[in-house]
Amino acid sequence: MIEMKFVDIDVQSKVSTGSSTAEELAKFAEELGFSSIVVSDVWAGPEKFAEAKVAIDEAAKNVGIEVIQGVKIVAANANELRHLVDRAREKASVVAVAGGSYQINRAACEYSKVDLLCHPSLGRTDCGLDEVCLNAARENNVAVELNFREVLHSYRRMRSLILLNMASNIKLCEELRVPLVVASGAQTVEDMRDPRELISIANILGLELSKAFGTVSDVPLSIIDVNRRKLLDKITTEGVEIVDLERSKGPEAAGD
């Protein structure tokens, strides 16, 4: 029997006072049964990304699961979103966008360099997505995230609305064949949840069980695999020196 691999594709480290380190998150994720986590701290430029990479690489040495570096884009408008995504795309294995406003949700869905639209209904009274957004997301292979932290840290009177919006997004994504992921969105180990709890949320909100499993397994694994191949191809291509054949022959060969 093949062991299923589970991925939490959206955790953040040390983003605010009281947040957990990448290593703390990774160790707890391993205890919970994940095979991989993606640490997607907010993009703050290449220097900060490089600093975070040191901590993530060190964490990976001390746990038995994969610790993958992603990035989360927080933008004020569509132009800024594209600019920041362009800067981060060739460095990160996963590029996620923090959603909420309809303008950002739509811009993320329309940009093929984006992998994941996070919490599209955050702070909204509706689900934040429509047919225009999701047709674009399908064409550009942008996945939509259901973020558990949004539920966990909500006020009780808002929780039913948040869950209703998530259920609406599940239905829309299913109808329009857009990939879904469920992630903890954790910033501390206390925010993290067992993968089967995340699967249960998707299932309870209307996604059939086999597809709910895919939201923390097949779909995030596919995103990571595709981007690793792209990054590897880029590194391989840049590492090849293109040589002028006539010059490489040398003076004797040139006279033949």
Foldseek 3Di string as FASTA:
>chain_A
DDDFAFEFEAEEEPPDPPFHFLLQQQALLVVLPHQEYEHAEADDDDVVLVVSVVRQVVSCVVDRHYYFYAYEYEDDALVVRVVSLVRRLLPGLAYEYEADALRRLQSLLQDLSHAEYEQNNPPHQALSDDPNSLLSNVVSLHEYEDEQVSLVPDDPVCNVSSLLSVLVVLVSCVVNVHHYAYHQNHRHSVSDDRLVVSLVSSVVSPDPNVSSNCNGGVSVVVSSVVSVVVSVVVVVVVPDDDDDVLVVVDPVVNVD
